[in-house]
Amino acid sequence: MRRFNLEMAVGFFMLVGILALAYISINLGRLELFGDDWYRVYAFFDRAGAVRPGTSVEIAGVRVGKVDKVELEDYRAKLTLKIRRDVRLQEDAIASIRTKGLIGEKYIEITPGASERFIEPGGVIRETESAVELEELLLKYAIGKI
């Protein structure tokens, strides 16, 4: 009887440990298992730089979404952005590819517009600013075009 109680206790703690590990893995990996609290919008850029799926989308320094896909369409980078449902983007919002620090990671910065109309799910952000390449700036500076 004592051995059975010991085995039940060990089994219970193993189960709790496995559930805790699964919870931590899901939260750290930012997996979405339940519900879809996002909507998708698209943005086209001449150059996407080092933007990859999972890249942060921010407004005023606050993460409001992430890049879902990066594709090539008509020789332009087409980014699919997943935006939180509680964040609404104006029609004249501007999406820019920025860098955190001098050579840090890339992220998408959305500058809100002043329009009274909003982008519907599946809509397109019309105004975009492509990534600024550090090498290109240095080259222009070196040959005196800046």
C-alpha atoms as a PDB file:
ATOM      1  CA  MET A   1       0.000   0.000   0.000  1.00  0.00           C
ATOM      2  CA  ARG A   2       2.831   2.408   0.849  1.00  0.00           C
ATOM      3  CA  ARG A   3       4.547   1.678  -2.453  1.00  0.00           C
ATOM      4  CA  PHE A   4       1.328   2.442  -4.343  1.00  0.00           C
ATOM      5  CA  ASN A   5       0.987   5.835  -2.563  1.00  0.00           C
ATOM      6  CA  LEU A   6       4.621   6.676  -3.343  1.00  0.00           C
ATOM      7  CA  GLU A   7       4.146   5.786  -7.009  1.00  0.00           C
ATOM      8  CA  MET A   8       0.976   7.895  -7.195  1.00  0.00           C
ATOM      9  CA  ALA A   9       2.765  10.891  -5.646  1.00  0.00           C
ATOM     10  CA  VAL A  10       5.714  10.592  -8.051  1.00  0.00           C
ATOM     11  CA  GLY A  11       3.346  10.228 -11.004  1.00  0.00           C
ATOM     12  CA  PHE A  12       1.362  13.275  -9.918  1.00  0.00           C
ATOM     13  CA  PHE A  13       4.498  15.441  -9.601  1.00  0.00           C
ATOM     14  CA  MET A  14       5.768  14.200 -12.972  1.00  0.00           C
ATOM     15  CA  LEU A  15       2.467  15.188 -14.586  1.00  0.00           C
ATOM     16  CA  VAL A  16       2.569  18.652 -12.973  1.00  0.00           C
ATOM     17  CA  GLY A  17       6.178  19.088 -14.152  1.00  0.00           C
ATOM     18  CA  ILE A  18       5.343  18.118 -17.717  1.00  0.00           C
ATOM     19  CA  LEU A  19       2.366  20.505 -17.787  1.00  0.00           C
ATOM     20  CA  ALA A  20       4.515  23.341 -16.397  1.00  0.00           C
ATOM     21  CA  LEU A  21       7.205  22.678 -19.022  1.00  0.00           C
ATOM     22  CA  ALA A  22       4.599  22.689 -21.811  1.00  0.00           C
ATOM     23  CA  TYR A  23       3.132  25.974 -20.535  1.00  0.00           C
ATOM     24  CA  ILE A  24       6.558  27.632 -20.407  1.00  0.00           C
ATOM     25  CA  SER A  25       7.465  26.343 -23.877  1.00  0.00           C
ATOM     26  CA  ILE A  26       4.264  27.699 -25.399  1.00  0.00           C
ATOM     27  CA  ASN A  27       4.680  31.111 -23.767  1.00  0.00           C
ATOM     28  CA  LEU A  28       8.367  31.481 -24.617  1.00  0.00           C
ATOM     29  CA  GLY A  29       7.785  30.352 -28.183  1.00  0.00           C
ATOM     30  CA  ARG A  30       4.764  32.656 -28.472  1.00  0.00           C
ATOM     31  CA  LEU A  31       2.717  29.875 -30.004  1.00  0.00           C
ATOM     32  CA  GLU A  32      -0.951  30.502 -30.557  1.00  0.00           C
ATOM     33  CA  LEU A  33      -2.972  27.438 -29.707  1.00  0.00           C
ATOM     34  CA  PHE A  34      -6.289  28.886 -28.628  1.00  0.00           C
ATOM     35  CA  GLY A  35      -8.204  31.471 -30.615  1.00  0.00           C
ATOM     36  CA  ASP A  36      -6.934  33.942 -33.155  1.00  0.00           C
ATOM     37  CA  ASP A  37      -6.677  37.400 -31.615  1.00  0.00           C
ATOM     38  CA  TRP A  38      -4.986  38.776 -34.720  1.00  0.00           C
ATOM     39  CA  TYR A  39      -5.918  40.154 -38.081  1.00  0.00           C
ATOM     40  CA  ARG A  40      -3.690  40.305 -41.127  1.00  0.00           C
ATOM     41  CA  VAL A  41      -2.700  43.288 -43.243  1.00  0.00           C
ATOM     42  CA  TYR A  42      -0.169  43.482 -46.047  1.00  0.00           C
ATOM     43  CA  ALA A  43       2.658  45.900 -46.810  1.00  0.00           C
ATOM     44  CA  PHE A  44       4.885  46.062 -49.893  1.00  0.00           C
ATOM     45  CA  PHE A  45       8.516  47.188 -49.695  1.00  0.00           C
ATOM     46  CA  ASP A  46      11.209  47.716 -52.334  1.00  0.00           C
ATOM     47  CA  ARG A  47      13.747  46.157 -49.927  1.00  0.00           C
ATOM     48  CA  ALA A  48      12.905  44.084 -46.883  1.00  0.00           C
ATOM     49  CA  GLY A  49      16.441  43.985 -45.471  1.00  0.00           C
ATOM     50  CA  ALA A  50      16.779  41.300 -42.812  1.00  0.00           C
ATOM     51  CA  VAL A  51      13.067  41.112 -41.963  1.00  0.00           C
ATOM     52  CA  ARG A  52      11.987  37.532 -41.280  1.00  0.00           C
ATOM     53  CA  PRO A  53       8.807  35.865 -40.014  1.00  0.00           C
ATOM     54  CA  GLY A  54       8.467  36.636 -36.326  1.00  0.00           C
ATOM     55  CA  THR A  55       9.960  40.139 -36.634  1.00  0.00           C
ATOM     56  CA  SER A  56       8.277  42.550 -34.236  1.00  0.00           C
ATOM     57  CA  VAL A  57       5.701  45.139 -35.386  1.00  0.00           C
ATOM     58  CA  GLU A  58       5.601  48.177 -33.109  1.00  0.00           C
ATOM     59  CA  ILE A  59       3.695  51.409 -32.630  1.00  0.00           C
ATOM     60  CA  ALA A  60       5.389  53.990 -30.373  1.00  0.00           C
ATOM     61  CA  GLY A  61       7.792  51.308 -29.119  1.00  0.00           C
ATOM     62  CA  VAL A  62       5.002  48.926 -28.074  1.00  0.00           C
ATOM     63  CA  ARG A  63       4.760  45.516 -29.739  1.00  0.00           C
ATOM     64  CA  VAL A  64       1.375  45.262 -31.480  1.00  0.00           C
ATOM     65  CA  GLY A  65       2.058  42.388 -33.833  1.00  0.00           C
ATOM     66  CA  LYS A  66       4.581  40.424 -35.818  1.00  0.00           C
ATOM     67  CA  VAL A  67       5.565  39.566 -39.368  1.00  0.00           C
ATOM     68  CA  ASP A  68       3.816  36.371 -40.410  1.00  0.00           C
ATOM     69  CA  LYS A  69       5.248  35.888 -43.920  1.00  0.00           C
ATOM     70  CA  VAL A  70       7.792  37.466 -46.268  1.00  0.00           C
ATOM     71  CA  GLU A  71       7.186  36.768 -49.959  1.00  0.00           C
ATOM     72  CA  LEU A  72       8.219  38.138 -53.331  1.00  0.00           C
ATOM     73  CA  GLU A  73       5.389  39.558 -55.428  1.00  0.00           C
ATOM     74  CA  ASP A  74       5.961  41.593 -58.601  1.00  0.00           C
ATOM     75  CA  TYR A  75       9.630  42.017 -57.649  1.00  0.00           C
ATOM     76  CA  ARG A  76       8.714  43.638 -54.330  1.00  0.00           C
ATOM     77  CA  ALA A  77       8.785  42.222 -50.821  1.00  0.00           C
ATOM     78  CA  LYS A  78       5.269  41.437 -49.625  1.00  0.00           C
ATOM     79  CA  LEU A  79       5.048  41.292 -45.837  1.00  0.00           C
ATOM     80  CA  THR A  80       2.050  39.753 -44.122  1.00  0.00           C
ATOM     81  CA  LEU A  81       1.645  41.464 -40.755  1.00  0.00           C
ATOM     82  CA  LYS A  82      -0.370  39.975 -37.896  1.00  0.00           C
ATOM     83  CA  ILE A  83      -1.795  42.828 -35.813  1.00  0.00           C
ATOM     84  CA  ARG A  84      -3.618  42.495 -32.475  1.00  0.00           C
ATOM     85  CA  ARG A  85      -7.395  42.847 -32.862  1.00  0.00           C
ATOM     86  CA  ASP A  86      -7.558  45.673 -30.322  1.00  0.00           C
ATOM     87  CA  VAL A  87      -5.230  47.824 -32.474  1.00  0.00           C
ATOM     88  CA  ARG A  88      -6.803  49.572 -35.458  1.00  0.00           C
ATOM     89  CA  LEU A  89      -4.644  51.058 -38.195  1.00  0.00           C
ATOM     90  CA  GLN A  90      -5.710  54.205 -40.054  1.00  0.00           C
ATOM     91  CA  GLU A  91      -5.747  54.146 -43.854  1.00  0.00           C
ATOM     92  CA  ASP A  92      -2.876  56.640 -44.002  1.00  0.00           C
ATOM     93  CA  ALA A  93      -0.605  54.799 -41.538  1.00  0.00           C
ATOM     94  CA  ILE A  94       3.033  54.418 -42.592  1.00  0.00           C
ATOM     95  CA  ALA A  95       4.981  51.155 -42.192  1.00  0.00           C
ATOM     96  CA  SER A  96       8.758  51.551 -41.965  1.00  0.00           C
ATOM     97  CA  ILE A  97      11.543  49.025 -41.572  1.00  0.00           C
ATOM     98  CA  ARG A  98      13.795  50.220 -38.758  1.00  0.00           C
ATOM     99  CA  THR A  99      16.845  48.939 -36.907  1.00  0.00           C
ATOM    100  CA  LYS A 100      17.218  48.773 -33.132  1.00  0.00           C
ATOM    101  CA  GLY A 101      20.531  50.489 -32.536  1.00  0.00           C
ATOM    102  CA  LEU A 102      23.267  50.919 -35.123  1.00  0.00           C
ATOM    103  CA  ILE A 103      23.490  47.291 -36.266  1.00  0.00           C
ATOM    104  CA  GLY A 104      20.693  45.742 -34.215  1.00  0.00           C
ATOM    105  CA  GLU A 105      17.764  43.638 -35.257  1.00  0.00           C
ATOM    106  CA  LYS A 106      15.151  44.896 -37.696  1.00  0.00           C
ATOM    107  CA  TYR A 107      11.554  45.647 -36.773  1.00  0.00           C
ATOM    108  CA  ILE A 108       8.515  47.205 -38.446  1.00  0.00           C
ATOM    109  CA  GLU A 109       7.468  50.577 -37.070  1.00  0.00           C
ATOM    110  CA  ILE A 110       3.967  51.753 -37.847  1.00  0.00           C
ATOM    111  CA  THR A 111       3.360  55.481 -37.643  1.00  0.00           C
ATOM    112  CA  PRO A 112      -0.363  56.126 -37.138  1.00  0.00           C
ATOM    113  CA  GLY A 113      -2.140  58.419 -39.538  1.00  0.00           C
ATOM    114  CA  ALA A 114      -4.859  61.005 -39.040  1.00  0.00           C
ATOM    115  CA  SER A 115      -7.547  59.429 -41.205  1.00  0.00           C
ATOM    116  CA  GLU A 116     -10.966  58.617 -39.789  1.00  0.00           C
ATOM    117  CA  ARG A 117     -11.068  55.457 -41.916  1.00  0.00           C
ATOM    118  CA  PHE A 118      -9.351  52.244 -40.872  1.00  0.00           C
ATOM    119  CA  ILE A 119      -7.653  49.410 -42.756  1.00  0.00           C
ATOM    120  CA  GLU A 120      -9.914  46.372 -42.851  1.00  0.00           C
ATOM    121  CA  PRO A 121      -8.539  42.871 -42.149  1.00  0.00           C
ATOM    122  CA  GLY A 122      -6.825  41.702 -45.327  1.00  0.00           C
ATOM    123  CA  GLY A 123      -6.179  45.297 -46.385  1.00  0.00           C
ATOM    124  CA  VAL A 124      -2.926  46.923 -47.482  1.00  0.00           C
ATOM    125  CA  ILE A 125      -0.803  49.578 -45.811  1.00  0.00           C
ATOM    126  CA  ARG A 126      -0.181  51.870 -48.777  1.00  0.00           C
ATOM    127  CA  GLU A 127       2.644  54.024 -47.415  1.00  0.00           C
ATOM    128  CA  THR A 128       5.892  52.171 -46.703  1.00  0.00           C
ATOM    129  CA  GLU A 129       9.548  53.039 -46.166  1.00  0.00           C
ATOM    130  CA  SER A 130      12.092  50.361 -47.055  1.00  0.00           C
ATOM    131  CA  ALA A 131      15.081  49.367 -44.978  1.00  0.00           C
ATOM    132  CA  VAL A 132      18.113  51.643 -45.041  1.00  0.00           C
ATOM    133  CA  GLU A 133      21.215  49.607 -45.769  1.00  0.00           C
ATOM    134  CA  LEU A 134      24.286  50.652 -43.777  1.00  0.00           C
ATOM    135  CA  GLU A 135      26.655  49.502 -46.534  1.00  0.00           C
ATOM    136  CA  GLU A 136      24.838  51.646 -49.087  1.00  0.00           C
ATOM    137  CA  LEU A 137      25.103  54.727 -46.867  1.00  0.00           C
ATOM    138  CA  LEU A 138      28.812  54.132 -46.243  1.00  0.00           C
ATOM    139  CA  LEU A 139      29.447  53.716 -49.963  1.00  0.00           C
ATOM    140  CA  LYS A 140      27.638  56.960 -50.765  1.00  0.00           C
ATOM    141  CA  TYR A 141      29.611  58.740 -48.069  1.00  0.00           C
ATOM    142  CA  ALA A 142      32.916  57.284 -49.321  1.00  0.00           C
ATOM    143  CA  ILE A 143      32.389  58.479 -52.896  1.00  0.00           C
ATOM    144  CA  GLY A 144      31.073  61.840 -51.739  1.00  0.00           C
ATOM    145  CA  LYS A 145      27.409  61.663 -52.724  1.00  0.00           C
ATOM    146  CA  ILE A 146      26.181  62.631 -49.258  1.00  0.00           C
END
